[in-house]
C-alpha atoms as a PDB file:
ATOM      1  CA  MET A   1     221.856  -5.087-119.110  1.00  0.00           C
ATOM      2  CA  LYS A   2     219.633  -7.280-117.019  1.00  0.00           C
ATOM      3  CA  GLN A   3     220.571  -5.223-113.987  1.00  0.00           C
ATOM      4  CA  PHE A   4     219.817  -2.015-115.897  1.00  0.00           C
ATOM      5  CA  LEU A   5     216.314  -3.239-116.817  1.00  0.00           C
ATOM      6  CA  THR A   6     215.597  -4.213-113.223  1.00  0.00           C
ATOM      7  CA  ILE A   7     216.699  -0.802-111.934  1.00  0.00           C
ATOM      8  CA  SER A   8     214.752   1.000-114.665  1.00  0.00           C
ATOM      9  CA  LEU A   9     211.620  -1.011-113.922  1.00  0.00           C
ATOM     10  CA  SER A  10     211.996  -0.278-110.174  1.00  0.00           C
ATOM     11  CA  ILE A  11     212.358   3.463-110.870  1.00  0.00           C
ATOM     12  CA  ILE A  12     209.279   3.466-113.135  1.00  0.00           C
ATOM     13  CA  LEU A  13     207.172   1.607-110.549  1.00  0.00           C
ATOM     14  CA  ALA A  14     208.386   3.911-107.768  1.00  0.00           C
ATOM     15  CA  CYS A  15     207.482   7.016-109.762  1.00  0.00           C
ATOM     16  CA  PHE A  16     204.059   5.907-110.875  1.00  0.00           C
ATOM     17  CA  GLY A  17     203.058   3.495-108.182  1.00  0.00           C
ATOM     18  CA  VAL A  18     201.047   0.370-108.845  1.00  0.00           C
ATOM     19  CA  ALA A  19     198.070   1.236-111.003  1.00  0.00           C
ATOM     20  CA  LYS A  20     194.659   0.159-109.628  1.00  0.00           C
ATOM     21  CA  ALA A  21     191.375   0.429-111.468  1.00  0.00           C
ATOM     22  CA  GLN A  22     188.621   2.293-109.607  1.00  0.00           C
ATOM     23  CA  VAL A  23     185.266   3.575-110.831  1.00  0.00           C
ATOM     24  CA  THR A  24     182.758   5.465-108.669  1.00  0.00           C
ATOM     25  CA  GLY A  25     179.143   6.517-109.106  1.00  0.00           C
ATOM     26  CA  THR A  26     176.728   8.531-107.002  1.00  0.00           C
ATOM     27  CA  THR A  27     173.019   8.638-106.472  1.00  0.00           C
ATOM     28  CA  SER A  28     170.609  10.989-104.739  1.00  0.00           C
ATOM     29  CA  VAL A  29     168.320   9.448-102.142  1.00  0.00           C
ATOM     30  CA  HIS A  30     165.011  11.211-101.600  1.00  0.00           C
ATOM     31  CA  VAL A  31     162.729  10.573 -98.622  1.00  0.00           C
ATOM     32  CA  LYS A  32     159.308  12.035 -99.373  1.00  0.00           C
ATOM     33  CA  LEU A  33     156.956  12.514 -96.450  1.00  0.00           C
ATOM     34  CA  VAL A  34     153.248  13.139 -96.871  1.00  0.00           C
ATOM     35  CA  ASP A  35     150.842  14.106 -94.141  1.00  0.00           C
ATOM     36  CA  ILE A  36     148.720  11.258 -92.859  1.00  0.00           C
ATOM     37  CA  LEU A  37     145.583  11.734 -90.856  1.00  0.00           C
ATOM     38  CA  ALA A  38     143.130   9.019 -89.893  1.00  0.00           C
ATOM     39  CA  LEU A  39     140.411   8.584 -87.301  1.00  0.00           C
ATOM     40  CA  ALA A  40     138.348   5.527 -86.434  1.00  0.00           C
ATOM     41  CA  VAL A  41     135.549   5.268 -83.903  1.00  0.00           C
ATOM     42  CA  ASN A  42     135.576   1.914 -82.124  1.00  0.00           C
ATOM     43  CA  ASN A  43     132.399   0.677 -80.417  1.00  0.00           C
ATOM     44  CA  THR A  44     130.078   2.943 -82.382  1.00  0.00           C
ATOM     45  CA  ASP A  45     127.137   2.625 -79.981  1.00  0.00           C
ATOM     46  CA  VAL A  46     127.253   4.361 -76.619  1.00  0.00           C
ATOM     47  CA  ASN A  47     124.402   3.640 -74.234  1.00  0.00           C
ATOM     48  CA  ILE A  48     123.790   5.973 -71.307  1.00  0.00           C
ATOM     49  CA  ASN A  49     121.048   4.223 -69.364  1.00  0.00           C
ATOM     50  CA  PHE A  50     118.880   5.755 -66.639  1.00  0.00           C
ATOM     51  CA  ASN A  51     117.470   2.687 -64.896  1.00  0.00           C
ATOM     52  CA  THR A  52     117.042   3.783 -61.270  1.00  0.00           C
ATOM     53  CA  ALA A  53     116.173   6.819 -59.185  1.00  0.00           C
ATOM     54  CA  SER A  54     119.843   6.901 -58.196  1.00  0.00           C
ATOM     55  CA  ASP A  55     120.809   7.372 -61.859  1.00  0.00           C
ATOM     56  CA  TYR A  56     118.581  10.445 -62.092  1.00  0.00           C
ATOM     57  CA  GLN A  57     119.920  11.776 -58.772  1.00  0.00           C
ATOM     58  CA  ASN A  58     123.615  11.141 -59.454  1.00  0.00           C
ATOM     59  CA  GLY A  59     123.884  11.232 -63.227  1.00  0.00           C
ATOM     60  CA  VAL A  60     125.339   8.480 -65.389  1.00  0.00           C
ATOM     61  CA  SER A  61     128.852   8.204 -66.802  1.00  0.00           C
ATOM     62  CA  VAL A  62     130.006   5.702 -69.416  1.00  0.00           C
ATOM     63  CA  PRO A  63     133.763   5.271 -69.857  1.00  0.00           C
ATOM     64  CA  MET A  64     134.832   4.006 -73.284  1.00  0.00           C
ATOM     65  CA  ALA A  65     138.431   2.763 -73.214  1.00  0.00           C
ATOM     66  CA  GLY A  66     140.110   2.870 -76.633  1.00  0.00           C
ATOM     67  CA  HIS A  67     136.992   4.444 -78.134  1.00  0.00           C
ATOM     68  CA  LEU A  68     138.938   6.287 -80.834  1.00  0.00           C
ATOM     69  CA  THR A  69     141.985   5.335 -82.899  1.00  0.00           C
ATOM     70  CA  VAL A  70     143.987   8.275 -84.225  1.00  0.00           C
ATOM     71  CA  THR A  71     146.882   8.335 -86.680  1.00  0.00           C
ATOM     72  CA  SER A  72     148.644  11.603 -87.472  1.00  0.00           C
ATOM     73  CA  ASN A  73     152.219  12.377 -88.438  1.00  0.00           C
ATOM     74  CA  GLN A  74     151.789  15.962 -87.172  1.00  0.00           C
ATOM     75  CA  ALA A  75     150.405  17.499 -84.007  1.00  0.00           C
ATOM     76  CA  TYR A  76     146.625  17.469 -84.222  1.00  0.00           C
ATOM     77  CA  THR A  77     143.417  18.829 -82.729  1.00  0.00           C
ATOM     78  CA  LEU A  78     140.503  16.544 -81.912  1.00  0.00           C
ATOM     79  CA  ASN A  79     137.016  18.108 -82.001  1.00  0.00           C
ATOM     80  CA  VAL A  80     133.566  16.796 -81.137  1.00  0.00           C
ATOM     81  CA  LYS A  81     130.012  17.900 -81.971  1.00  0.00           C
ATOM     82  CA  ALA A  82     126.457  16.587 -82.068  1.00  0.00           C
ATOM     83  CA  ALA A  83     124.303  16.392 -85.185  1.00  0.00           C
ATOM     84  CA  GLY A  84     121.369  17.895 -83.286  1.00  0.00           C
ATOM     85  CA  ASN A  85     118.800  17.053 -80.643  1.00  0.00           C
ATOM     86  CA  LEU A  86     118.477  13.538 -79.311  1.00  0.00           C
ATOM     87  CA  ALA A  87     115.227  12.312 -80.832  1.00  0.00           C
ATOM     88  CA  GLY A  88     112.962   9.584 -79.521  1.00  0.00           C
ATOM     89  CA  THR A  89     111.588   6.724 -81.554  1.00  0.00           C
ATOM     90  CA  GLY A  90     108.228   6.174 -83.209  1.00  0.00           C
ATOM     91  CA  VAL A  91     105.474   8.664 -82.388  1.00  0.00           C
ATOM     92  CA  ASN A  92     107.402  10.155 -79.464  1.00  0.00           C
ATOM     93  CA  THR A  93     107.833  13.852 -80.221  1.00  0.00           C
ATOM     94  CA  ASP A  94     109.946  14.583 -77.126  1.00  0.00           C
ATOM     95  CA  VAL A  95     113.556  15.565 -77.741  1.00  0.00           C
ATOM     96  CA  LEU A  96     116.578  15.994 -75.514  1.00  0.00           C
ATOM     97  CA  ALA A  97     118.966  18.858 -76.163  1.00  0.00           C
ATOM     98  CA  PRO A  98     122.513  17.743 -76.996  1.00  0.00           C
ATOM     99  CA  THR A  99     123.686  20.058 -74.207  1.00  0.00           C
ATOM    100  CA  ILE A 100     122.701  17.357 -71.691  1.00  0.00           C
ATOM    101  CA  LEU A 101     125.782  15.426 -72.830  1.00  0.00           C
ATOM    102  CA  THR A 102     129.297  15.831 -71.523  1.00  0.00           C
ATOM    103  CA  VAL A 103     132.159  14.328 -73.542  1.00  0.00           C
ATOM    104  CA  ALA A 104     135.538  14.148 -71.857  1.00  0.00           C
ATOM    105  CA  LEU A 105     138.984  12.744 -72.492  1.00  0.00           C
ATOM    106  CA  PRO A 106     140.287  11.497 -69.142  1.00  0.00           C
ATOM    107  CA  THR A 107     143.929  12.214 -68.274  1.00  0.00           C
ATOM    108  CA  THR A 108     144.538   8.551 -67.425  1.00  0.00           C
ATOM    109  CA  GLY A 109     144.741   5.291 -69.361  1.00  0.00           C
ATOM    110  CA  ASN A 110     145.503   5.532 -73.066  1.00  0.00           C
ATOM    111  CA  ASN A 111     145.330   9.329 -72.903  1.00  0.00           C
ATOM    112  CA  THR A 112     148.587   9.675 -70.924  1.00  0.00           C
ATOM    113  CA  THR A 113     150.451   9.654 -74.271  1.00  0.00           C
ATOM    114  CA  LEU A 114     148.465  12.450 -75.933  1.00  0.00           C
ATOM    115  CA  GLY A 115     151.243  14.956 -75.307  1.00  0.00           C
ATOM    116  CA  ALA A 116     148.697  17.686 -74.583  1.00  0.00           C
ATOM    117  CA  VAL A 117     146.158  18.334 -71.841  1.00  0.00           C
ATOM    118  CA  PRO A 118     142.732  17.019 -72.840  1.00  0.00           C
ATOM    119  CA  THR A 119     139.603  18.979 -72.011  1.00  0.00           C
ATOM    120  CA  THR A 120     135.983  18.288 -71.196  1.00  0.00           C
ATOM    121  CA  VAL A 121     133.171  19.456 -73.428  1.00  0.00           C
ATOM    122  CA  ALA A 122     130.277  20.010 -71.040  1.00  0.00           C
ATOM    123  CA  GLY A 123     127.128  20.772 -72.953  1.00  0.00           C
ATOM    124  CA  LEU A 124     127.670  19.279 -76.385  1.00  0.00           C
ATOM    125  CA  THR A 125     126.412  21.447 -79.272  1.00  0.00           C
ATOM    126  CA  THR A 126     126.251  21.283 -83.061  1.00  0.00           C
ATOM    127  CA  THR A 127     129.478  23.280 -83.307  1.00  0.00           C
ATOM    128  CA  ASN A 128     132.924  21.696 -83.082  1.00  0.00           C
ATOM    129  CA  ALA A 129     134.476  21.920 -79.617  1.00  0.00           C
ATOM    130  CA  ALA A 130     138.098  20.957 -78.977  1.00  0.00           C
ATOM    131  CA  LEU A 131     138.755  17.930 -76.787  1.00  0.00           C
ATOM    132  CA  VAL A 132     142.535  18.219 -77.233  1.00  0.00           C
ATOM    133  CA  THR A 133     144.715  20.710 -79.088  1.00  0.00           C
ATOM    134  CA  GLY A 134     148.325  20.116 -80.107  1.00  0.00           C
ATOM    135  CA  ALA A 135     148.286  16.381 -79.395  1.00  0.00           C
ATOM    136  CA  SER A 136     151.516  14.565 -80.239  1.00  0.00           C
ATOM    137  CA  PRO A 137     151.846  12.722 -83.533  1.00  0.00           C
ATOM    138  CA  GLY A 138     151.313   8.984 -83.345  1.00  0.00           C
ATOM    139  CA  LEU A 139     150.313   5.881 -85.224  1.00  0.00           C
ATOM    140  CA  LEU A 140     147.178   3.942 -84.294  1.00  0.00           C
ATOM    141  CA  LYS A 141     146.955   5.810 -80.992  1.00  0.00           C
ATOM    142  CA  LEU A 142     144.015   4.686 -78.831  1.00  0.00           C
ATOM    143  CA  VAL A 143     142.055   7.465 -77.142  1.00  0.00           C
ATOM    144  CA  ASP A 144     139.734   6.935 -74.157  1.00  0.00           C
ATOM    145  CA  VAL A 145     136.463   8.893 -74.024  1.00  0.00           C
ATOM    146  CA  ASN A 146     133.943   9.352 -71.194  1.00  0.00           C
ATOM    147  CA  TYR A 147     130.325  10.137 -72.003  1.00  0.00           C
ATOM    148  CA  SER A 148     128.017  11.379 -69.269  1.00  0.00           C
ATOM    149  CA  VAL A 149     124.861  13.146 -68.292  1.00  0.00           C
ATOM    150  CA  PRO A 150     125.871  14.813 -65.013  1.00  0.00           C
ATOM    151  CA  SER A 151     123.629  15.094 -61.971  1.00  0.00           C
ATOM    152  CA  SER A 152     123.342  18.852 -62.512  1.00  0.00           C
ATOM    153  CA  ILE A 153     121.250  17.970 -65.573  1.00  0.00           C
ATOM    154  CA  SER A 154     119.783  14.533 -64.915  1.00  0.00           C
ATOM    155  CA  ALA A 155     117.683  15.726 -61.962  1.00  0.00           C
ATOM    156  CA  THR A 156     116.109  18.579 -63.969  1.00  0.00           C
ATOM    157  CA  THR A 157     113.372  18.964 -66.548  1.00  0.00           C
ATOM    158  CA  ALA A 158     116.031  18.327 -69.184  1.00  0.00           C
ATOM    159  CA  LEU A 159     115.224  14.641 -68.488  1.00  0.00           C
ATOM    160  CA  LEU A 160     112.358  14.639 -65.969  1.00  0.00           C
ATOM    161  CA  GLY A 161     108.956  14.663 -67.613  1.00  0.00           C
ATOM    162  CA  LYS A 162     110.233  13.122 -70.877  1.00  0.00           C
ATOM    163  CA  LYS A 163     108.639   9.935 -72.169  1.00  0.00           C
ATOM    164  CA  ALA A 164     110.427   6.637 -71.506  1.00  0.00           C
ATOM    165  CA  ASP A 165     112.269   5.945 -74.773  1.00  0.00           C
ATOM    166  CA  THR A 166     115.711   5.689 -76.325  1.00  0.00           C
ATOM    167  CA  TYR A 167     116.826   9.127 -77.527  1.00  0.00           C
ATOM    168  CA  THR A 168     119.515   9.238 -80.206  1.00  0.00           C
ATOM    169  CA  THR A 169     121.811  11.716 -81.928  1.00  0.00           C
ATOM    170  CA  THR A 170     124.998  11.303 -83.923  1.00  0.00           C
ATOM    171  CA  VAL A 171     128.243  12.484 -82.348  1.00  0.00           C
ATOM    172  CA  THR A 172     130.964  13.401 -84.835  1.00  0.00           C
ATOM    173  CA  TYR A 173     134.688  13.566 -84.131  1.00  0.00           C
ATOM    174  CA  THR A 174     137.003  15.526 -86.395  1.00  0.00           C
ATOM    175  CA  ILE A 175     140.789  15.722 -86.366  1.00  0.00           C
ATOM    176  CA  THR A 176     142.824  18.418 -88.055  1.00  0.00           C
ATOM    177  CA  GLN A 177     146.543  19.067 -88.275  1.00  0.00           C
END
């Protein structure tokens, strides 16, 4: 009888296998992306100084390394424009047209990672002009900017004959995706 029980138990275990407890559960993982777009202007004062006759003859250029910081999770366009004429201070009624200014993104330095060919805006106006279109997405990307008044303008009545003063306008950068 003992042998019969052992054989019967072996047959039952062979037919049904060893029972193991197992419980499963599932979950859905969602990754939600939102568009991010940020722009910061570093070094908010740009001084283009005409101190010598050579400056008026040759023009003046002011490179600003890391002047802008851009964050965008999508390709973006960077535009620039002036608020209006460059006005003098105090009782000085002379103005300089914003078109004397050239704003350029050099193809060197921090701008080698833009992922698109930057352009030069010669003759700044009050309308947005693209400095780069289709730039690669990036986080806290530094952008170099060159400001200048070229010799083709500095040696003309655009500057000659104007009172000695500091002329100011606001330059606005805009990024869009």
